[in-house]
Amino acid sequence: MEFTLKDRMYQLKWKAQKKAKEAGKKVKELAIWAVEHPAETSAIAVGVTTVVGGTAKVAKHISKNRAEAERKRRYYDPKTYNWVTCRRELTGKEKIEFSRRRDNGESVTRILESMNVIK
């Protein structure tokens, strides 16, 4: 027996409805348990709040550091009016050479290409 697309869609719909009913039952059971055990419920709520807050703080810190690292890898070339992104941050020697060559009037893009650091 072959199933048509319409049959398959009905099967998926029934499966989703069955899972939704089961989830609804579990939510009701959880609500009943929470009412019967208020001390444990408050302890869980405090723990979850702490974990969520800590996770948010760490994520904010990581994204801030990532943005700062990205900023250190980008250079503006006023001759071509473009931003150039390097594969990595320049080392101390490379920064000195870059500054010297840029002050001598060489294009930022050409300097970074010759250093082989452009993406």
PDB file of N, CA and C in Angstrom:
ATOM      1  N   MET A   1       0.844  -1.179   0.000  1.00  0.00           N
ATOM      2  CA  MET A   1       0.000   0.000   0.000  1.00  0.00           C
ATOM      3  C   MET A   1       0.892   1.246   0.000  1.00  0.00           C
ATOM      4  N   GLU A   2       0.661   2.109  -0.944  1.00  0.00           N
ATOM      5  CA  GLU A   2       1.450   3.341  -1.027  1.00  0.00           C
ATOM      6  C   GLU A   2       0.684   4.491  -0.399  1.00  0.00           C
ATOM      7  N   PHE A   3       1.437   5.355   0.246  1.00  0.00           N
ATOM      8  CA  PHE A   3       0.826   6.520   0.865  1.00  0.00           C
ATOM      9  C   PHE A   3       1.009   7.717  -0.045  1.00  0.00           C
ATOM     10  N   THR A   4      -0.025   8.519  -0.142  1.00  0.00           N
ATOM     11  CA  THR A   4       0.080   9.763  -0.897  1.00  0.00           C
ATOM     12  C   THR A   4       0.611  10.838   0.039  1.00  0.00           C
ATOM     13  N   LEU A   5       0.899  11.955  -0.529  1.00  0.00           N
ATOM     14  CA  LEU A   5       1.386  13.076   0.280  1.00  0.00           C
ATOM     15  C   LEU A   5       0.325  13.499   1.296  1.00  0.00           C
ATOM     16  N   LYS A   6      -0.931  13.472   0.868  1.00  0.00           N
ATOM     17  CA  LYS A   6      -2.024  13.861   1.763  1.00  0.00           C
ATOM     18  C   LYS A   6      -2.101  12.904   2.960  1.00  0.00           C
ATOM     19  N   ASP A   7      -1.963  11.586   2.694  1.00  0.00           N
ATOM     20  CA  ASP A   7      -1.968  10.602   3.784  1.00  0.00           C
ATOM     21  C   ASP A   7      -0.823  10.868   4.758  1.00  0.00           C
ATOM     22  N   ARG A   8       0.336  11.138   4.205  1.00  0.00           N
ATOM     23  CA  ARG A   8       1.510  11.398   5.047  1.00  0.00           C
ATOM     24  C   ARG A   8       1.303  12.641   5.913  1.00  0.00           C
ATOM     25  N   MET A   9       0.697  13.669   5.346  1.00  0.00           N
ATOM     26  CA  MET A   9       0.444  14.895   6.103  1.00  0.00           C
ATOM     27  C   MET A   9      -0.535  14.625   7.255  1.00  0.00           C
ATOM     28  N   TYR A  10      -1.560  13.797   6.997  1.00  0.00           N
ATOM     29  CA  TYR A  10      -2.486  13.434   8.076  1.00  0.00           C
ATOM     30  C   TYR A  10      -1.766  12.657   9.173  1.00  0.00           C
ATOM     31  N   GLN A  11      -0.886  11.746   8.788  1.00  0.00           N
ATOM     32  CA  GLN A  11      -0.134  10.975   9.784  1.00  0.00           C
ATOM     33  C   GLN A  11       0.706  11.903  10.658  1.00  0.00           C
ATOM     34  N   LEU A  12       1.372  12.862  10.036  1.00  0.00           N
ATOM     35  CA  LEU A  12       2.185  13.822  10.799  1.00  0.00           C
ATOM     36  C   LEU A  12       1.316  14.665  11.721  1.00  0.00           C
ATOM     37  N   LYS A  13       0.140  15.063  11.230  1.00  0.00           N
ATOM     38  CA  LYS A  13      -0.776  15.871  12.040  1.00  0.00           C
ATOM     39  C   LYS A  13      -1.234  15.086  13.267  1.00  0.00           C
ATOM     40  N   TRP A  14      -1.607  13.806  13.067  1.00  0.00           N
ATOM     41  CA  TRP A  14      -2.074  12.993  14.191  1.00  0.00           C
ATOM     42  C   TRP A  14      -0.956  12.753  15.200  1.00  0.00           C
ATOM     43  N   LYS A  15       0.241  12.526  14.692  1.00  0.00           N
ATOM     44  CA  LYS A  15       1.380  12.314  15.586  1.00  0.00           C
ATOM     45  C   LYS A  15       1.639  13.569  16.424  1.00  0.00           C
ATOM     46  N   ALA A  16       1.564  14.745  15.784  1.00  0.00           N
ATOM     47  CA  ALA A  16       1.784  16.002  16.499  1.00  0.00           C
ATOM     48  C   ALA A  16       0.697  16.234  17.543  1.00  0.00           C
ATOM     49  N   GLN A  17      -0.553  15.908  17.196  1.00  0.00           N
ATOM     50  CA  GLN A  17      -1.648  16.081  18.147  1.00  0.00           C
ATOM     51  C   GLN A  17      -1.477  15.158  19.346  1.00  0.00           C
ATOM     52  N   LYS A  18      -1.028  13.934  19.100  1.00  0.00           N
ATOM     53  CA  LYS A  18      -0.805  12.978  20.184  1.00  0.00           C
ATOM     54  C   LYS A  18       0.288  13.480  21.125  1.00  0.00           C
ATOM     55  N   LYS A  19       1.392  14.005  20.550  1.00  0.00           N
ATOM     56  CA  LYS A  19       2.480  14.523  21.382  1.00  0.00           C
ATOM     57  C   LYS A  19       2.029  15.754  22.166  1.00  0.00           C
ATOM     58  N   ALA A  20       1.189  16.583  21.562  1.00  0.00           N
ATOM     59  CA  ALA A  20       0.694  17.770  22.256  1.00  0.00           C
ATOM     60  C   ALA A  20      -0.173  17.367  23.443  1.00  0.00           C
ATOM     61  N   LYS A  21      -1.012  16.337  23.272  1.00  0.00           N
ATOM     62  CA  LYS A  21      -1.840  15.848  24.388  1.00  0.00           C
ATOM     63  C   LYS A  21      -0.974  15.331  25.525  1.00  0.00           C
ATOM     64  N   GLU A  22       0.064  14.544  25.170  1.00  0.00           N
ATOM     65  CA  GLU A  22       0.962  13.995  26.186  1.00  0.00           C
ATOM     66  C   GLU A  22       1.682  15.120  26.930  1.00  0.00           C
ATOM     67  N   ALA A  23       2.116  16.130  26.190  1.00  0.00           N
ATOM     68  CA  ALA A  23       2.801  17.253  26.826  1.00  0.00           C
ATOM     69  C   ALA A  23       1.857  17.996  27.763  1.00  0.00           C
ATOM     70  N   GLY A  24       0.602  18.164  27.344  1.00  0.00           N
ATOM     71  CA  GLY A  24      -0.392  18.820  28.191  1.00  0.00           C
ATOM     72  C   GLY A  24      -0.599  18.065  29.491  1.00  0.00           C
ATOM     73  N   LYS A  25      -0.659  16.722  29.415  1.00  0.00           N
ATOM     74  CA  LYS A  25      -0.808  15.910  30.626  1.00  0.00           C
ATOM     75  C   LYS A  25       0.384  16.093  31.556  1.00  0.00           C
ATOM     76  N   LYS A  26       1.592  16.121  30.982  1.00  0.00           N
ATOM     77  CA  LYS A  26       2.796  16.281  31.807  1.00  0.00           C
ATOM     78  C   LYS A  26       2.826  17.650  32.480  1.00  0.00           C
ATOM     79  N   VAL A  27       2.375  18.679  31.763  1.00  0.00           N
ATOM     80  CA  VAL A  27       2.337  20.019  32.359  1.00  0.00           C
ATOM     81  C   VAL A  27       1.361  20.046  33.530  1.00  0.00           C
ATOM     82  N   LYS A  28       0.199  19.404  33.366  1.00  0.00           N
ATOM     83  CA  LYS A  28      -0.780  19.352  34.462  1.00  0.00           C
ATOM     84  C   LYS A  28      -0.198  18.626  35.672  1.00  0.00           C
ATOM     85  N   GLU A  29       0.492  17.486  35.411  1.00  0.00           N
ATOM     86  CA  GLU A  29       1.102  16.742  36.514  1.00  0.00           C
ATOM     87  C   GLU A  29       2.158  17.589  37.223  1.00  0.00           C
ATOM     88  N   LEU A  30       2.933  18.325  36.460  1.00  0.00           N
ATOM     89  CA  LEU A  30       3.965  19.181  37.041  1.00  0.00           C
ATOM     90  C   LEU A  30       3.338  20.290  37.885  1.00  0.00           C
ATOM     91  N   ALA A  31       2.244  20.873  37.384  1.00  0.00           N
ATOM     92  CA  ALA A  31       1.573  21.932  38.142  1.00  0.00           C
ATOM     93  C   ALA A  31       1.034  21.395  39.460  1.00  0.00           C
ATOM     94  N   ILE A  32       0.453  20.208  39.434  1.00  0.00           N
ATOM     95  CA  ILE A  32      -0.061  19.586  40.665  1.00  0.00           C
ATOM     96  C   ILE A  32       1.088  19.330  41.639  1.00  0.00           C
ATOM     97  N   TRP A  33       2.199  18.811  41.145  1.00  0.00           N
ATOM     98  CA  TRP A  33       3.353  18.537  41.991  1.00  0.00           C
ATOM     99  C   TRP A  33       3.873  19.834  42.609  1.00  0.00           C
ATOM    100  N   ALA A  34       3.923  20.920  41.795  1.00  0.00           N
ATOM    101  CA  ALA A  34       4.430  22.198  42.296  1.00  0.00           C
ATOM    102  C   ALA A  34       3.565  22.744  43.425  1.00  0.00           C
ATOM    103  N   VAL A  35       2.251  22.569  43.322  1.00  0.00           N
ATOM    104  CA  VAL A  35       1.350  23.037  44.380  1.00  0.00           C
ATOM    105  C   VAL A  35       1.542  22.212  45.652  1.00  0.00           C
ATOM    106  N   GLU A  36       1.769  20.911  45.487  1.00  0.00           N
ATOM    107  CA  GLU A  36       1.929  20.032  46.649  1.00  0.00           C
ATOM    108  C   GLU A  36       3.292  20.171  47.326  1.00  0.00           C
ATOM    109  N   HIS A  37       4.302  20.646  46.598  1.00  0.00           N
ATOM    110  CA  HIS A  37       5.664  20.764  47.134  1.00  0.00           C
ATOM    111  C   HIS A  37       6.200  22.190  46.937  1.00  0.00           C
ATOM    112  N   PRO A  38       5.707  23.157  47.718  1.00  0.00           N
ATOM    113  CA  PRO A  38       6.114  24.554  47.504  1.00  0.00           C
ATOM    114  C   PRO A  38       7.586  24.822  47.842  1.00  0.00           C
ATOM    115  N   ALA A  39       8.155  24.142  48.815  1.00  0.00           N
ATOM    116  CA  ALA A  39       9.555  24.392  49.196  1.00  0.00           C
ATOM    117  C   ALA A  39      10.499  23.978  48.063  1.00  0.00           C
ATOM    118  N   GLU A  40      10.263  22.776  47.528  1.00  0.00           N
ATOM    119  CA  GLU A  40      11.120  22.315  46.435  1.00  0.00           C
ATOM    120  C   GLU A  40      10.951  23.191  45.190  1.00  0.00           C
ATOM    121  N   THR A  41       9.705  23.618  44.955  1.00  0.00           N
ATOM    122  CA  THR A  41       9.425  24.460  43.790  1.00  0.00           C
ATOM    123  C   THR A  41      10.196  25.777  43.876  1.00  0.00           C
ATOM    124  N   SER A  42      10.210  26.401  45.054  1.00  0.00           N
ATOM    125  CA  SER A  42      10.923  27.676  45.190  1.00  0.00           C
ATOM    126  C   SER A  42      12.432  27.475  45.055  1.00  0.00           C
ATOM    127  N   ALA A  43      12.945  26.364  45.588  1.00  0.00           N
ATOM    128  CA  ALA A  43      14.377  26.080  45.463  1.00  0.00           C
ATOM    129  C   ALA A  43      14.754  25.867  44.000  1.00  0.00           C
ATOM    130  N   ILE A  44      13.914  25.147  43.265  1.00  0.00           N
ATOM    131  CA  ILE A  44      14.171  24.935  41.838  1.00  0.00           C
ATOM    132  C   ILE A  44      14.115  26.253  41.081  1.00  0.00           C
ATOM    133  N   ALA A  45      13.140  27.094  41.424  1.00  0.00           N
ATOM    134  CA  ALA A  45      13.006  28.389  40.743  1.00  0.00           C
ATOM    135  C   ALA A  45      14.243  29.258  40.964  1.00  0.00           C
ATOM    136  N   VAL A  46      14.756  29.274  42.192  1.00  0.00           N
ATOM    137  CA  VAL A  46      15.961  30.060  42.485  1.00  0.00           C
ATOM    138  C   VAL A  46      17.153  29.501  41.711  1.00  0.00           C
ATOM    139  N   GLY A  47      17.275  28.173  41.695  1.00  0.00           N
ATOM    140  CA  GLY A  47      18.383  27.558  40.966  1.00  0.00           C
ATOM    141  C   GLY A  47      18.326  27.850  39.481  1.00  0.00           C
ATOM    142  N   VAL A  48      17.158  27.728  38.903  1.00  0.00           N
ATOM    143  CA  VAL A  48      16.999  27.993  37.462  1.00  0.00           C
ATOM    144  C   VAL A  48      17.301  29.457  37.156  1.00  0.00           C
ATOM    145  N   THR A  49      16.813  30.361  37.995  1.00  0.00           N
ATOM    146  CA  THR A  49      17.070  31.789  37.791  1.00  0.00           C
ATOM    147  C   THR A  49      18.566  32.076  37.832  1.00  0.00           C
ATOM    148  N   THR A  50      19.263  31.474  38.775  1.00  0.00           N
ATOM    149  CA  THR A  50      20.703  31.674  38.901  1.00  0.00           C
ATOM    150  C   THR A  50      21.437  31.145  37.668  1.00  0.00           C
ATOM    151  N   VAL A  51      21.070  29.970  37.230  1.00  0.00           N
ATOM    152  CA  VAL A  51      21.736  29.375  36.068  1.00  0.00           C
ATOM    153  C   VAL A  51      21.483  30.204  34.814  1.00  0.00           C
ATOM    154  N   VAL A  52      20.252  30.621  34.603  1.00  0.00           N
ATOM    155  CA  VAL A  52      19.919  31.414  33.418  1.00  0.00           C
ATOM    156  C   VAL A  52      20.647  32.756  33.455  1.00  0.00           C
ATOM    157  N   GLY A  53      20.670  33.399  34.615  1.00  0.00           N
ATOM    158  CA  GLY A  53      21.367  34.672  34.739  1.00  0.00           C
ATOM    159  C   GLY A  53      22.863  34.539  34.497  1.00  0.00           C
ATOM    160  N   GLY A  54      23.455  33.490  35.059  1.00  0.00           N
ATOM    161  CA  GLY A  54      24.890  33.254  34.860  1.00  0.00           C
ATOM    162  C   GLY A  54      25.219  32.959  33.407  1.00  0.00           C
ATOM    163  N   THR A  55      24.367  32.172  32.766  1.00  0.00           N
ATOM    164  CA  THR A  55      24.583  31.849  31.356  1.00  0.00           C
ATOM    165  C   THR A  55      24.500  33.105  30.496  1.00  0.00           C
ATOM    166  N   ALA A  56      23.539  33.964  30.783  1.00  0.00           N
ATOM    167  CA  ALA A  56      23.392  35.202  30.027  1.00  0.00           C
ATOM    168  C   ALA A  56      24.618  36.099  30.205  1.00  0.00           C
ATOM    169  N   LYS A  57      25.122  36.156  31.422  1.00  0.00           N
ATOM    170  CA  LYS A  57      26.291  36.993  31.704  1.00  0.00           C
ATOM    171  C   LYS A  57      27.525  36.478  30.959  1.00  0.00           C
ATOM    172  N   VAL A  58      27.715  35.165  30.961  1.00  0.00           N
ATOM    173  CA  VAL A  58      28.853  34.577  30.251  1.00  0.00           C
ATOM    174  C   VAL A  58      28.723  34.804  28.747  1.00  0.00           C
ATOM    175  N   ALA A  59      27.520  34.628  28.213  1.00  0.00           N
ATOM    176  CA  ALA A  59      27.302  34.832  26.777  1.00  0.00           C
ATOM    177  C   ALA A  59      27.585  36.279  26.387  1.00  0.00           C
ATOM    178  N   LYS A  60      27.181  37.215  27.211  1.00  0.00           N
ATOM    179  CA  LYS A  60      27.433  38.631  26.937  1.00  0.00           C
ATOM    180  C   LYS A  60      28.937  38.905  26.942  1.00  0.00           C
ATOM    181  N   HIS A  61      29.639  38.338  27.912  1.00  0.00           N
ATOM    182  CA  HIS A  61      31.081  38.523  28.012  1.00  0.00           C
ATOM    183  C   HIS A  61      31.793  37.950  26.785  1.00  0.00           C
ATOM    184  N   ILE A  62      31.389  36.758  26.375  1.00  0.00           N
ATOM    185  CA  ILE A  62      32.014  36.117  25.214  1.00  0.00           C
ATOM    186  C   ILE A  62      31.764  36.924  23.948  1.00  0.00           C
ATOM    187  N   SER A  63      30.534  37.384  23.747  1.00  0.00           N
ATOM    188  CA  SER A  63      30.234  38.148  22.536  1.00  0.00           C
ATOM    189  C   SER A  63      30.984  39.476  22.524  1.00  0.00           C
ATOM    190  N   LYS A  64      31.159  40.074  23.696  1.00  0.00           N
ATOM    191  CA  LYS A  64      31.902  41.332  23.784  1.00  0.00           C
ATOM    192  C   LYS A  64      33.369  41.106  23.413  1.00  0.00           C
ATOM    193  N   ASN A  65      33.962  40.022  23.926  1.00  0.00           N
ATOM    194  CA  ASN A  65      35.349  39.706  23.600  1.00  0.00           C
ATOM    195  C   ASN A  65      35.510  39.383  22.116  1.00  0.00           C
ATOM    196  N   ARG A  66      34.545  38.660  21.556  1.00  0.00           N
ATOM    197  CA  ARG A  66      34.610  38.305  20.140  1.00  0.00           C
ATOM    198  C   ARG A  66      34.546  39.567  19.265  1.00  0.00           C
ATOM    199  N   ALA A  67      33.680  40.507  19.625  1.00  0.00           N
ATOM    200  CA  ALA A  67      33.560  41.752  18.863  1.00  0.00           C
ATOM    201  C   ALA A  67      34.856  42.547  18.943  1.00  0.00           C
ATOM    202  N   GLU A  68      35.464  42.576  20.113  1.00  0.00           N
ATOM    203  CA  GLU A  68      36.732  43.293  20.280  1.00  0.00           C
ATOM    204  C   GLU A  68      37.835  42.648  19.447  1.00  0.00           C
ATOM    205  N   ALA A  69      37.907  41.324  19.429  1.00  0.00           N
ATOM    206  CA  ALA A  69      38.918  40.627  18.632  1.00  0.00           C
ATOM    207  C   ALA A  69      38.695  40.873  17.152  1.00  0.00           C
ATOM    208  N   GLU A  70      37.436  40.897  16.725  1.00  0.00           N
ATOM    209  CA  GLU A  70      37.123  41.173  15.315  1.00  0.00           C
ATOM    210  C   GLU A  70      37.558  42.592  14.941  1.00  0.00           C
ATOM    211  N   ARG A  71      37.323  43.539  15.857  1.00  0.00           N
ATOM    212  CA  ARG A  71      37.693  44.922  15.592  1.00  0.00           C
ATOM    213  C   ARG A  71      39.206  45.074  15.417  1.00  0.00           C
ATOM    214  N   LYS A  72      39.985  44.305  16.185  1.00  0.00           N
ATOM    215  CA  LYS A  72      41.442  44.396  16.099  1.00  0.00           C
ATOM    216  C   LYS A  72      41.991  43.813  14.806  1.00  0.00           C
ATOM    217  N   ARG A  73      41.169  43.012  14.088  1.00  0.00           N
ATOM    218  CA  ARG A  73      41.621  42.392  12.852  1.00  0.00           C
ATOM    219  C   ARG A  73      41.202  43.169  11.615  1.00  0.00           C
ATOM    220  N   ARG A  74      40.501  44.296  11.784  1.00  0.00           N
ATOM    221  CA  ARG A  74      40.019  45.059  10.640  1.00  0.00           C
ATOM    222  C   ARG A  74      40.801  46.354  10.500  1.00  0.00           C
ATOM    223  N   TYR A  75      41.129  46.694   9.246  1.00  0.00           N
ATOM    224  CA  TYR A  75      41.875  47.915   8.946  1.00  0.00           C
ATOM    225  C   TYR A  75      41.180  48.635   7.808  1.00  0.00           C
ATOM    226  N   TYR A  76      41.150  49.966   7.896  1.00  0.00           N
ATOM    227  CA  TYR A  76      40.522  50.767   6.851  1.00  0.00           C
ATOM    228  C   TYR A  76      41.579  51.248   5.877  1.00  0.00           C
ATOM    229  N   ASP A  77      41.300  51.089   4.599  1.00  0.00           N
ATOM    230  CA  ASP A  77      42.208  51.557   3.545  1.00  0.00           C
ATOM    231  C   ASP A  77      41.604  52.807   2.914  1.00  0.00           C
ATOM    232  N   PRO A  78      42.132  53.997   3.234  1.00  0.00           N
ATOM    233  CA  PRO A  78      41.547  55.220   2.694  1.00  0.00           C
ATOM    234  C   PRO A  78      41.747  55.383   1.190  1.00  0.00           C
ATOM    235  N   LYS A  79      42.705  54.677   0.618  1.00  0.00           N
ATOM    236  CA  LYS A  79      42.935  54.802  -0.831  1.00  0.00           C
ATOM    237  C   LYS A  79      41.863  54.067  -1.628  1.00  0.00           C
ATOM    238  N   THR A  80      41.374  52.942  -1.094  1.00  0.00           N
ATOM    239  CA  THR A  80      40.335  52.172  -1.796  1.00  0.00           C
ATOM    240  C   THR A  80      38.962  52.338  -1.151  1.00  0.00           C
ATOM    241  N   TYR A  81      38.886  53.049  -0.031  1.00  0.00           N
ATOM    242  CA  TYR A  81      37.640  53.270   0.709  1.00  0.00           C
ATOM    243  C   TYR A  81      36.997  51.952   1.145  1.00  0.00           C
ATOM    244  N   ASN A  82      37.797  50.975   1.518  1.00  0.00           N
ATOM    245  CA  ASN A  82      37.309  49.668   1.934  1.00  0.00           C
ATOM    246  C   ASN A  82      37.926  49.263   3.261  1.00  0.00           C
ATOM    247  N   TRP A  83      37.211  48.376   3.961  1.00  0.00           N
ATOM    248  CA  TRP A  83      37.751  47.751   5.155  1.00  0.00           C
ATOM    249  C   TRP A  83      38.399  46.436   4.752  1.00  0.00           C
ATOM    250  N   VAL A  84      39.567  46.143   5.342  1.00  0.00           N
ATOM    251  CA  VAL A  84      40.296  44.912   5.059  1.00  0.00           C
ATOM    252  C   VAL A  84      40.303  44.087   6.345  1.00  0.00           C
ATOM    253  N   THR A  85      39.894  42.814   6.239  1.00  0.00           N
ATOM    254  CA  THR A  85      39.857  41.924   7.398  1.00  0.00           C
ATOM    255  C   THR A  85      40.990  40.917   7.297  1.00  0.00           C
ATOM    256  N   CYS A  86      41.767  40.814   8.359  1.00  0.00           N
ATOM    257  CA  CYS A  86      42.891  39.882   8.398  1.00  0.00           C
ATOM    258  C   CYS A  86      42.437  38.543   8.982  1.00  0.00           C
ATOM    259  N   ARG A  87      43.208  37.494   8.688  1.00  0.00           N
ATOM    260  CA  ARG A  87      42.917  36.177   9.247  1.00  0.00           C
ATOM    261  C   ARG A  87      43.173  36.149  10.745  1.00  0.00           C
ATOM    262  N   ARG A  88      44.125  36.944  11.188  1.00  0.00           N
ATOM    263  CA  ARG A  88      44.510  36.955  12.597  1.00  0.00           C
ATOM    264  C   ARG A  88      44.966  38.363  12.959  1.00  0.00           C
ATOM    265  N   GLU A  89      45.147  38.595  14.237  1.00  0.00           N
ATOM    266  CA  GLU A  89      45.648  39.891  14.693  1.00  0.00           C
ATOM    267  C   GLU A  89      47.144  39.965  14.381  1.00  0.00           C
ATOM    268  N   LEU A  90      47.609  41.144  14.041  1.00  0.00           N
ATOM    269  CA  LEU A  90      49.025  41.313  13.717  1.00  0.00           C
ATOM    270  C   LEU A  90      49.881  41.182  14.974  1.00  0.00           C
ATOM    271  N   THR A  91      51.080  40.627  14.803  1.00  0.00           N
ATOM    272  CA  THR A  91      52.020  40.532  15.918  1.00  0.00           C
ATOM    273  C   THR A  91      52.686  41.889  16.114  1.00  0.00           C
ATOM    274  N   GLY A  92      53.491  42.001  17.162  1.00  0.00           N
ATOM    275  CA  GLY A  92      54.161  43.268  17.450  1.00  0.00           C
ATOM    276  C   GLY A  92      55.057  43.735  16.321  1.00  0.00           C
ATOM    277  N   LYS A  93      55.901  42.827  15.790  1.00  0.00           N
ATOM    278  CA  LYS A  93      56.785  43.188  14.678  1.00  0.00           C
ATOM    279  C   LYS A  93      55.989  43.589  13.445  1.00  0.00           C
ATOM    280  N   GLU A  94      54.913  42.850  13.185  1.00  0.00           N
ATOM    281  CA  GLU A  94      54.086  43.162  12.017  1.00  0.00           C
ATOM    282  C   GLU A  94      53.412  44.519  12.163  1.00  0.00           C
ATOM    283  N   LYS A  95      52.992  44.859  13.379  1.00  0.00           N
ATOM    284  CA  LYS A  95      52.362  46.164  13.606  1.00  0.00           C
ATOM    285  C   LYS A  95      53.352  47.292  13.354  1.00  0.00           C
ATOM    286  N   ILE A  96      54.603  47.105  13.793  1.00  0.00           N
ATOM    287  CA  ILE A  96      55.628  48.129  13.575  1.00  0.00           C
ATOM    288  C   ILE A  96      55.893  48.297  12.081  1.00  0.00           C
ATOM    289  N   GLU A  97      56.053  47.172  11.387  1.00  0.00           N
ATOM    290  CA  GLU A  97      56.291  47.234   9.940  1.00  0.00           C
ATOM    291  C   GLU A  97      55.094  47.853   9.219  1.00  0.00           C
ATOM    292  N   PHE A  98      53.890  47.479   9.631  1.00  0.00           N
ATOM    293  CA  PHE A  98      52.668  48.014   9.027  1.00  0.00           C
ATOM    294  C   PHE A  98      52.619  49.532   9.190  1.00  0.00           C
ATOM    295  N   SER A  99      52.873  50.020  10.418  1.00  0.00           N
ATOM    296  CA  SER A  99      52.827  51.465  10.676  1.00  0.00           C
ATOM    297  C   SER A  99      53.880  52.204   9.851  1.00  0.00           C
ATOM    298  N   ARG A 100      55.094  51.645   9.778  1.00  0.00           N
ATOM    299  CA  ARG A 100      56.174  52.285   9.025  1.00  0.00           C
ATOM    300  C   ARG A 100      55.818  52.381   7.545  1.00  0.00           C
ATOM    301  N   ARG A 101      55.325  51.295   6.972  1.00  0.00           N
ATOM    302  CA  ARG A 101      54.996  51.275   5.547  1.00  0.00           C
ATOM    303  C   ARG A 101      53.778  52.157   5.241  1.00  0.00           C
ATOM    304  N   ARG A 102      52.807  52.182   6.135  1.00  0.00           N
ATOM    305  CA  ARG A 102      51.633  53.031   5.916  1.00  0.00           C
ATOM    306  C   ARG A 102      52.028  54.500   5.975  1.00  0.00           C
ATOM    307  N   ASP A 103      52.940  54.857   6.909  1.00  0.00           N
ATOM    308  CA  ASP A 103      53.410  56.237   7.007  1.00  0.00           C
ATOM    309  C   ASP A 103      54.194  56.652   5.766  1.00  0.00           C
ATOM    310  N   ASN A 104      54.808  55.674   5.086  1.00  0.00           N
ATOM    311  CA  ASN A 104      55.542  55.967   3.847  1.00  0.00           C
ATOM    312  C   ASN A 104      54.616  56.092   2.642  1.00  0.00           C
ATOM    313  N   GLY A 105      53.304  55.893   2.836  1.00  0.00           N
ATOM    314  CA  GLY A 105      52.344  56.126   1.766  1.00  0.00           C
ATOM    315  C   GLY A 105      51.888  54.889   1.018  1.00  0.00           C
ATOM    316  N   GLU A 106      52.270  53.723   1.484  1.00  0.00           N
ATOM    317  CA  GLU A 106      51.860  52.496   0.810  1.00  0.00           C
ATOM    318  C   GLU A 106      50.409  52.160   1.177  1.00  0.00           C
ATOM    319  N   SER A 107      49.689  51.525   0.268  1.00  0.00           N
ATOM    320  CA  SER A 107      48.291  51.156   0.477  1.00  0.00           C
ATOM    321  C   SER A 107      48.178  50.080   1.563  1.00  0.00           C
ATOM    322  N   VAL A 108      47.175  50.231   2.421  1.00  0.00           N
ATOM    323  CA  VAL A 108      46.956  49.279   3.510  1.00  0.00           C
ATOM    324  C   VAL A 108      46.711  47.882   2.945  1.00  0.00           C
ATOM    325  N   THR A 109      45.945  47.794   1.885  1.00  0.00           N
ATOM    326  CA  THR A 109      45.645  46.494   1.284  1.00  0.00           C
ATOM    327  C   THR A 109      46.913  45.823   0.776  1.00  0.00           C
ATOM    328  N   ARG A 110      47.764  46.572   0.111  1.00  0.00           N
ATOM    329  CA  ARG A 110      49.007  45.996  -0.423  1.00  0.00           C
ATOM    330  C   ARG A 110      49.953  45.560   0.701  1.00  0.00           C
ATOM    331  N   ILE A 111      49.993  46.340   1.773  1.00  0.00           N
ATOM    332  CA  ILE A 111      50.856  45.972   2.912  1.00  0.00           C
ATOM    333  C   ILE A 111      50.400  44.632   3.488  1.00  0.00           C
ATOM    334  N   LEU A 112      49.096  44.508   3.751  1.00  0.00           N
ATOM    335  CA  LEU A 112      48.584  43.289   4.357  1.00  0.00           C
ATOM    336  C   LEU A 112      48.674  42.101   3.397  1.00  0.00           C
ATOM    337  N   GLU A 113      48.541  42.344   2.090  1.00  0.00           N
ATOM    338  CA  GLU A 113      48.706  41.261   1.114  1.00  0.00           C
ATOM    339  C   GLU A 113      50.142  40.741   1.131  1.00  0.00           C
ATOM    340  N   SER A 114      51.112  41.656   1.197  1.00  0.00           N
ATOM    341  CA  SER A 114      52.497  41.225   1.200  1.00  0.00           C
ATOM    342  C   SER A 114      52.867  40.491   2.501  1.00  0.00           C
ATOM    343  N   MET A 115      52.140  40.769   3.583  1.00  0.00           N
ATOM    344  CA  MET A 115      52.376  40.057   4.852  1.00  0.00           C
ATOM    345  C   MET A 115      51.630  38.715   4.884  1.00  0.00           C
ATOM    346  N   ASN A 116      50.798  38.459   3.895  1.00  0.00           N
ATOM    347  CA  ASN A 116      49.993  37.225   3.804  1.00  0.00           C
ATOM    348  C   ASN A 116      49.072  37.035   5.009  1.00  0.00           C
ATOM    349  N   VAL A 117      48.374  38.098   5.406  1.00  0.00           N
ATOM    350  CA  VAL A 117      47.453  37.992   6.512  1.00  0.00           C
ATOM    351  C   VAL A 117      46.004  38.281   6.112  1.00  0.00           C
ATOM    352  N   ILE A 118      45.773  38.581   4.842  1.00  0.00           N
ATOM    353  CA  ILE A 118      44.422  38.891   4.389  1.00  0.00           C
ATOM    354  C   ILE A 118      43.655  37.597   4.161  1.00  0.00           C
ATOM    355  N   LYS A 119      42.376  37.612   4.499  1.00  0.00           N
ATOM    356  CA  LYS A 119      41.511  36.437   4.308  1.00  0.00           C
ATOM    357  C   LYS A 119      41.409  36.092   2.843  1.00  0.00           C
TER     358      LYS A 119
END
